[in-house]
Amino acid sequence: MVQAAARHDEQDLALAIRLGSSRRPEQAYGHYFEGSRRSCALGAAYEGVYRLPAEVGGVRPIHLERLFGCLETTMRSCPEGCRKRLPLAAIIVHLNDDHHWTRAQIASWVEAVPEIRATSGPPSP
């Protein structure tokens, strides 16, 4: 196995999830935000970039992919082994809502350097 270098936007996304999580200490499932204390992982990422009012109601983060290109351009497989392979944004929602991973676990997984299979031939310089 060879390790691929983590992209900067994935590291920035993980940092934004952590920062936003500190602003709303409880996790939301099925919604980006609930009340003044809950957010899901993508809601936390949005709040990690933008300062939001305490009560956000039905706010839905739009154009997060403009801030973090990896959300739409990076494909990841579900680390729980359920054979899903989707864009990073969809896998984050899946881990949050279906597997109930904490936002901290999701942030750590996002920034982790994924392993890729080595191809035959000489290594790249």
N, C-alpha and C. Protein backbone atom coordinates (compact mmCIF):
# COMPACT_ATOMS: atom_id res chain seq x y z
N MET A 1 0.83 -1.18 0.00
CA MET A 1 0.00 0.00 0.00
C MET A 1 0.88 1.25 0.00
N VAL A 2 0.40 2.25 -0.65
CA VAL A 2 1.06 3.55 -0.72
C VAL A 2 0.10 4.56 -0.12
N GLN A 3 0.63 5.55 0.59
CA GLN A 3 -0.24 6.57 1.13
C GLN A 3 -0.27 7.77 0.20
N ALA A 4 -1.47 8.26 -0.06
CA ALA A 4 -1.63 9.47 -0.87
C ALA A 4 -1.60 10.67 0.07
N ALA A 5 -1.03 11.74 -0.38
CA ALA A 5 -0.98 12.95 0.44
C ALA A 5 -2.38 13.51 0.62
N ALA A 6 -2.70 13.91 1.84
CA ALA A 6 -4.00 14.51 2.11
C ALA A 6 -4.06 15.87 1.43
N ARG A 7 -5.19 16.17 0.86
CA ARG A 7 -5.35 17.46 0.21
C ARG A 7 -5.61 18.52 1.27
N HIS A 8 -5.19 19.74 0.98
CA HIS A 8 -5.36 20.82 1.95
C HIS A 8 -6.82 21.10 2.26
N ASP A 9 -7.70 20.97 1.26
CA ASP A 9 -9.11 21.26 1.54
C ASP A 9 -9.72 20.22 2.47
N GLU A 10 -9.23 19.00 2.47
CA GLU A 10 -9.71 18.00 3.42
C GLU A 10 -9.27 18.35 4.83
N GLN A 11 -8.04 18.83 4.98
CA GLN A 11 -7.56 19.26 6.30
C GLN A 11 -8.35 20.47 6.78
N ASP A 12 -8.62 21.40 5.86
CA ASP A 12 -9.40 22.59 6.21
C ASP A 12 -10.83 22.21 6.60
N LEU A 13 -11.41 21.25 5.89
CA LEU A 13 -12.75 20.77 6.20
C LEU A 13 -12.79 20.16 7.60
N ALA A 14 -11.81 19.33 7.92
CA ALA A 14 -11.75 18.71 9.25
C ALA A 14 -11.65 19.78 10.34
N LEU A 15 -10.83 20.79 10.11
CA LEU A 15 -10.69 21.89 11.07
C LEU A 15 -12.01 22.64 11.24
N ALA A 16 -12.70 22.90 10.13
CA ALA A 16 -13.99 23.59 10.20
C ALA A 16 -15.03 22.77 10.96
N ILE A 17 -15.05 21.46 10.77
CA ILE A 17 -15.97 20.59 11.51
C ILE A 17 -15.69 20.71 13.00
N ARG A 18 -14.43 20.67 13.38
CA ARG A 18 -14.07 20.78 14.80
C ARG A 18 -14.46 22.14 15.39
N LEU A 19 -14.16 23.20 14.65
CA LEU A 19 -14.49 24.53 15.14
C LEU A 19 -15.99 24.71 15.27
N GLY A 20 -16.73 24.32 14.25
CA GLY A 20 -18.19 24.43 14.32
C GLY A 20 -18.79 23.57 15.42
N SER A 21 -18.20 22.42 15.68
CA SER A 21 -18.67 21.54 16.76
C SER A 21 -18.52 22.20 18.12
N SER A 22 -17.50 23.02 18.26
CA SER A 22 -17.29 23.70 19.54
C SER A 22 -18.35 24.77 19.76
N ARG A 23 -18.96 25.27 18.70
CA ARG A 23 -19.99 26.30 18.82
C ARG A 23 -21.37 25.70 19.15
N ARG A 24 -21.59 24.47 18.72
CA ARG A 24 -22.83 23.74 19.04
C ARG A 24 -22.39 22.37 19.55
N PRO A 25 -22.36 22.21 20.87
CA PRO A 25 -21.73 21.03 21.47
C PRO A 25 -22.45 19.69 21.27
N GLU A 26 -23.69 19.70 20.85
CA GLU A 26 -24.42 18.45 20.68
C GLU A 26 -24.60 18.13 19.20
N GLN A 27 -24.68 16.85 18.89
CA GLN A 27 -24.77 16.42 17.50
C GLN A 27 -26.22 16.30 17.05
N ALA A 28 -26.47 16.72 15.82
CA ALA A 28 -27.79 16.57 15.19
C ALA A 28 -27.74 15.42 14.19
N TYR A 29 -28.88 14.78 14.02
CA TYR A 29 -29.01 13.68 13.06
C TYR A 29 -30.21 13.98 12.18
N GLY A 30 -30.03 13.91 10.87
CA GLY A 30 -31.13 14.14 9.95
C GLY A 30 -31.40 15.61 9.65
N HIS A 31 -30.69 16.51 10.30
CA HIS A 31 -30.83 17.96 10.09
C HIS A 31 -29.45 18.58 10.21
N TYR A 32 -29.25 19.68 9.51
CA TYR A 32 -27.97 20.37 9.64
C TYR A 32 -27.85 21.03 11.01
N PHE A 33 -28.96 21.63 11.47
CA PHE A 33 -28.98 22.31 12.76
C PHE A 33 -30.30 22.01 13.46
N GLU A 34 -30.23 21.92 14.78
CA GLU A 34 -31.43 21.79 15.60
C GLU A 34 -31.26 22.69 16.81
N GLY A 35 -32.12 23.67 16.93
CA GLY A 35 -32.06 24.59 18.07
C GLY A 35 -30.75 25.35 18.11
N SER A 36 -30.35 25.69 19.30
CA SER A 36 -29.13 26.49 19.46
C SER A 36 -27.92 25.65 19.86
N ARG A 37 -28.10 24.34 20.05
CA ARG A 37 -27.01 23.52 20.57
C ARG A 37 -26.59 22.35 19.69
N ARG A 38 -27.29 22.10 18.60
CA ARG A 38 -27.01 20.90 17.80
C ARG A 38 -26.68 21.23 16.35
N SER A 39 -25.70 20.47 15.82
CA SER A 39 -25.39 20.52 14.38
C SER A 39 -24.86 19.16 13.98
N CYS A 40 -25.06 18.83 12.70
CA CYS A 40 -24.45 17.61 12.16
C CYS A 40 -23.04 17.97 11.71
N ALA A 41 -22.32 17.03 11.16
CA ALA A 41 -20.94 17.28 10.74
C ALA A 41 -20.85 18.35 9.66
N LEU A 42 -21.73 18.31 8.66
CA LEU A 42 -21.67 19.33 7.61
C LEU A 42 -22.17 20.67 8.12
N GLY A 43 -23.15 20.67 9.01
CA GLY A 43 -23.59 21.91 9.64
C GLY A 43 -22.46 22.52 10.45
N ALA A 44 -21.71 21.69 11.14
CA ALA A 44 -20.57 22.16 11.92
C ALA A 44 -19.51 22.76 11.00
N ALA A 45 -19.27 22.13 9.85
CA ALA A 45 -18.30 22.67 8.90
C ALA A 45 -18.72 24.06 8.43
N TYR A 46 -20.01 24.22 8.15
CA TYR A 46 -20.54 25.51 7.71
C TYR A 46 -20.33 26.56 8.79
N GLU A 47 -20.65 26.18 10.02
CA GLU A 47 -20.48 27.12 11.13
C GLU A 47 -19.02 27.33 11.48
N GLY A 48 -18.18 26.41 11.10
CA GLY A 48 -16.75 26.62 11.30
C GLY A 48 -16.18 27.70 10.40
N VAL A 49 -16.91 28.02 9.33
CA VAL A 49 -16.50 29.06 8.39
C VAL A 49 -17.28 30.35 8.63
N TYR A 50 -18.58 30.23 8.86
CA TYR A 50 -19.45 31.39 9.04
C TYR A 50 -19.97 31.43 10.47
N ARG A 51 -20.00 32.59 11.04
CA ARG A 51 -20.59 32.76 12.38
C ARG A 51 -22.09 32.87 12.19
N LEU A 52 -22.85 31.97 12.77
CA LEU A 52 -24.29 31.92 12.61
C LEU A 52 -24.98 32.38 13.89
N PRO A 53 -26.22 32.86 13.77
CA PRO A 53 -26.97 33.21 14.99
C PRO A 53 -27.27 31.96 15.81
N ALA A 54 -27.57 32.14 17.08
CA ALA A 54 -27.83 31.00 17.97
C ALA A 54 -28.97 30.14 17.44
N GLU A 55 -30.05 30.75 17.03
CA GLU A 55 -31.18 30.01 16.47
C GLU A 55 -31.11 30.12 14.95
N VAL A 56 -30.79 29.03 14.29
CA VAL A 56 -30.65 29.07 12.84
C VAL A 56 -31.86 28.51 12.11
N GLY A 57 -32.79 27.93 12.84
CA GLY A 57 -34.02 27.43 12.22
C GLY A 57 -33.74 26.46 11.11
N GLY A 58 -34.30 26.72 9.94
CA GLY A 58 -34.18 25.81 8.81
C GLY A 58 -33.02 26.13 7.89
N VAL A 59 -31.98 26.77 8.39
CA VAL A 59 -30.84 27.11 7.56
C VAL A 59 -30.21 25.83 7.03
N ARG A 60 -29.94 25.86 5.75
CA ARG A 60 -29.27 24.73 5.10
C ARG A 60 -28.00 25.26 4.45
N PRO A 61 -26.86 24.70 4.80
CA PRO A 61 -25.61 25.16 4.19
C PRO A 61 -25.66 25.00 2.67
N ILE A 62 -25.46 26.09 1.98
CA ILE A 62 -25.45 26.01 0.52
C ILE A 62 -24.04 26.30 0.01
N HIS A 63 -23.71 25.66 -1.05
CA HIS A 63 -22.44 25.86 -1.73
C HIS A 63 -21.22 25.58 -0.84
N LEU A 64 -21.34 24.62 0.05
CA LEU A 64 -20.17 24.21 0.84
C LEU A 64 -19.06 23.71 -0.07
N GLU A 65 -19.44 23.16 -1.22
CA GLU A 65 -18.43 22.63 -2.14
C GLU A 65 -17.56 23.75 -2.71
N ARG A 66 -18.05 24.99 -2.68
CA ARG A 66 -17.22 26.11 -3.12
C ARG A 66 -16.12 26.41 -2.11
N LEU A 67 -16.40 26.14 -0.85
CA LEU A 67 -15.40 26.34 0.20
C LEU A 67 -14.46 25.15 0.31
N PHE A 68 -15.02 23.97 0.13
CA PHE A 68 -14.27 22.73 0.26
C PHE A 68 -14.55 21.87 -0.97
N GLY A 69 -13.72 22.03 -1.99
CA GLY A 69 -13.92 21.31 -3.25
C GLY A 69 -13.95 19.80 -3.08
N CYS A 70 -13.27 19.31 -2.06
CA CYS A 70 -13.20 17.87 -1.82
C CYS A 70 -14.57 17.25 -1.57
N LEU A 71 -15.55 18.03 -1.13
CA LEU A 71 -16.87 17.49 -0.83
C LEU A 71 -17.52 16.86 -2.05
N GLU A 72 -17.26 17.41 -3.22
CA GLU A 72 -17.87 16.88 -4.44
C GLU A 72 -16.87 16.18 -5.35
N THR A 73 -15.59 16.48 -5.21
CA THR A 73 -14.60 15.93 -6.15
C THR A 73 -13.86 14.72 -5.62
N THR A 74 -14.01 14.43 -4.33
CA THR A 74 -13.32 13.29 -3.73
C THR A 74 -14.32 12.17 -3.48
N MET A 75 -14.02 11.01 -3.99
CA MET A 75 -14.85 9.84 -3.74
C MET A 75 -14.24 9.07 -2.57
N ARG A 76 -15.07 8.64 -1.65
CA ARG A 76 -14.60 7.84 -0.53
C ARG A 76 -15.55 6.67 -0.32
N SER A 77 -15.00 5.60 0.21
CA SER A 77 -15.80 4.44 0.58
C SER A 77 -16.14 4.53 2.05
N CYS A 78 -17.28 4.01 2.41
CA CYS A 78 -17.69 4.01 3.81
C CYS A 78 -16.71 3.14 4.60
N PRO A 79 -16.13 3.70 5.66
CA PRO A 79 -15.17 2.93 6.46
C PRO A 79 -15.84 1.86 7.33
N GLU A 80 -17.16 1.85 7.36
CA GLU A 80 -17.88 0.84 8.14
C GLU A 80 -18.07 -0.45 7.36
N GLY A 81 -17.66 -0.45 6.10
CA GLY A 81 -17.71 -1.67 5.30
C GLY A 81 -19.05 -1.95 4.66
N CYS A 82 -19.90 -0.95 4.52
CA CYS A 82 -21.21 -1.21 3.92
C CYS A 82 -21.21 -1.03 2.41
N ARG A 83 -20.04 -0.94 1.82
CA ARG A 83 -19.83 -0.95 0.36
C ARG A 83 -20.33 0.30 -0.36
N LYS A 84 -20.64 1.35 0.36
CA LYS A 84 -21.02 2.59 -0.30
C LYS A 84 -19.75 3.31 -0.74
N ARG A 85 -19.75 3.82 -1.94
CA ARG A 85 -18.66 4.65 -2.46
C ARG A 85 -19.32 5.86 -3.09
N LEU A 86 -19.18 7.00 -2.44
CA LEU A 86 -19.90 8.21 -2.82
C LEU A 86 -18.98 9.42 -2.69
N PRO A 87 -19.43 10.58 -3.21
CA PRO A 87 -18.65 11.80 -2.95
C PRO A 87 -18.54 12.03 -1.44
N LEU A 88 -17.49 12.69 -1.04
CA LEU A 88 -17.19 12.88 0.38
C LEU A 88 -18.37 13.48 1.14
N ALA A 89 -19.06 14.46 0.58
CA ALA A 89 -20.20 15.08 1.28
C ALA A 89 -21.25 14.03 1.63
N ALA A 90 -21.58 13.16 0.70
CA ALA A 90 -22.60 12.13 0.93
C ALA A 90 -22.13 11.11 1.96
N ILE A 91 -20.86 10.75 1.94
CA ILE A 91 -20.34 9.80 2.92
C ILE A 91 -20.34 10.43 4.32
N ILE A 92 -20.04 11.73 4.42
CA ILE A 92 -20.09 12.41 5.73
C ILE A 92 -21.51 12.36 6.28
N VAL A 93 -22.51 12.65 5.44
CA VAL A 93 -23.90 12.58 5.89
C VAL A 93 -24.23 11.15 6.31
N HIS A 94 -23.79 10.18 5.53
CA HIS A 94 -24.02 8.76 5.84
C HIS A 94 -23.42 8.37 7.19
N LEU A 95 -22.17 8.77 7.42
CA LEU A 95 -21.52 8.44 8.70
C LEU A 95 -22.22 9.13 9.87
N ASN A 96 -22.64 10.36 9.66
CA ASN A 96 -23.32 11.12 10.72
C ASN A 96 -24.69 10.51 11.03
N ASP A 97 -25.51 10.33 10.00
CA ASP A 97 -26.90 9.94 10.21
C ASP A 97 -27.12 8.44 10.34
N ASP A 98 -26.39 7.64 9.58
CA ASP A 98 -26.64 6.20 9.58
C ASP A 98 -25.78 5.43 10.58
N HIS A 99 -24.52 5.83 10.70
CA HIS A 99 -23.63 5.11 11.62
C HIS A 99 -23.42 5.86 12.94
N HIS A 100 -23.97 7.05 13.04
CA HIS A 100 -23.89 7.88 14.25
C HIS A 100 -22.46 8.10 14.73
N TRP A 101 -21.57 8.32 13.77
CA TRP A 101 -20.20 8.70 14.14
C TRP A 101 -20.25 10.09 14.74
N THR A 102 -19.39 10.36 15.70
CA THR A 102 -19.31 11.71 16.24
C THR A 102 -18.68 12.64 15.22
N ARG A 103 -18.89 13.91 15.40
CA ARG A 103 -18.28 14.88 14.48
C ARG A 103 -16.76 14.82 14.59
N ALA A 104 -16.24 14.56 15.79
CA ALA A 104 -14.78 14.44 15.96
C ALA A 104 -14.25 13.22 15.19
N GLN A 105 -14.97 12.11 15.23
CA GLN A 105 -14.56 10.92 14.48
C GLN A 105 -14.57 11.21 12.98
N ILE A 106 -15.61 11.90 12.52
CA ILE A 106 -15.71 12.23 11.10
C ILE A 106 -14.57 13.14 10.69
N ALA A 107 -14.28 14.16 11.50
CA ALA A 107 -13.18 15.09 11.19
C ALA A 107 -11.86 14.34 11.10
N SER A 108 -11.60 13.44 12.03
CA SER A 108 -10.35 12.67 12.01
C SER A 108 -10.27 11.79 10.77
N TRP A 109 -11.39 11.19 10.39
CA TRP A 109 -11.41 10.34 9.20
C TRP A 109 -11.21 11.17 7.93
N VAL A 110 -11.83 12.35 7.87
CA VAL A 110 -11.70 13.22 6.68
C VAL A 110 -10.24 13.60 6.46
N GLU A 111 -9.54 13.96 7.53
CA GLU A 111 -8.17 14.43 7.37
C GLU A 111 -7.14 13.32 7.29
N ALA A 112 -7.54 12.09 7.59
CA ALA A 112 -6.61 10.97 7.52
C ALA A 112 -6.15 10.77 6.08
N VAL A 113 -4.92 10.38 5.93
CA VAL A 113 -4.37 10.13 4.60
C VAL A 113 -4.86 8.75 4.16
N PRO A 114 -5.68 8.71 3.10
CA PRO A 114 -6.19 7.41 2.65
C PRO A 114 -5.09 6.59 1.99
N GLU A 115 -5.18 5.29 2.18
CA GLU A 115 -4.24 4.39 1.51
C GLU A 115 -4.78 4.04 0.14
N ILE A 116 -3.88 3.96 -0.83
CA ILE A 116 -4.29 3.56 -2.17
C ILE A 116 -3.41 2.38 -2.58
N ARG A 117 -3.93 1.59 -3.46
CA ARG A 117 -3.17 0.44 -3.95
C ARG A 117 -2.08 0.92 -4.89
N ALA A 118 -0.89 0.36 -4.70
CA ALA A 118 0.22 0.71 -5.58
C ALA A 118 -0.01 0.08 -6.95
N THR A 119 0.34 0.79 -7.97
CA THR A 119 0.25 0.25 -9.33
C THR A 119 1.59 -0.36 -9.68
N SER A 120 1.57 -1.26 -10.63
CA SER A 120 2.83 -1.86 -11.03
C SER A 120 3.66 -0.84 -11.78
N GLY A 121 4.93 -0.97 -11.68
CA GLY A 121 5.83 -0.03 -12.34
C GLY A 121 6.68 0.69 -11.33
N PRO A 122 7.60 1.49 -11.81
CA PRO A 122 8.51 2.17 -10.90
C PRO A 122 7.80 3.25 -10.09
N PRO A 123 8.25 3.51 -8.87
CA PRO A 123 7.63 4.55 -8.06
C PRO A 123 7.84 5.92 -8.69
N SER A 124 6.93 6.82 -8.40
CA SER A 124 7.07 8.19 -8.89
C SER A 124 8.15 8.91 -8.14
N PRO A 125 8.87 9.82 -8.81
CA PRO A 125 9.93 10.57 -8.11
C PRO A 125 9.36 11.56 -7.12
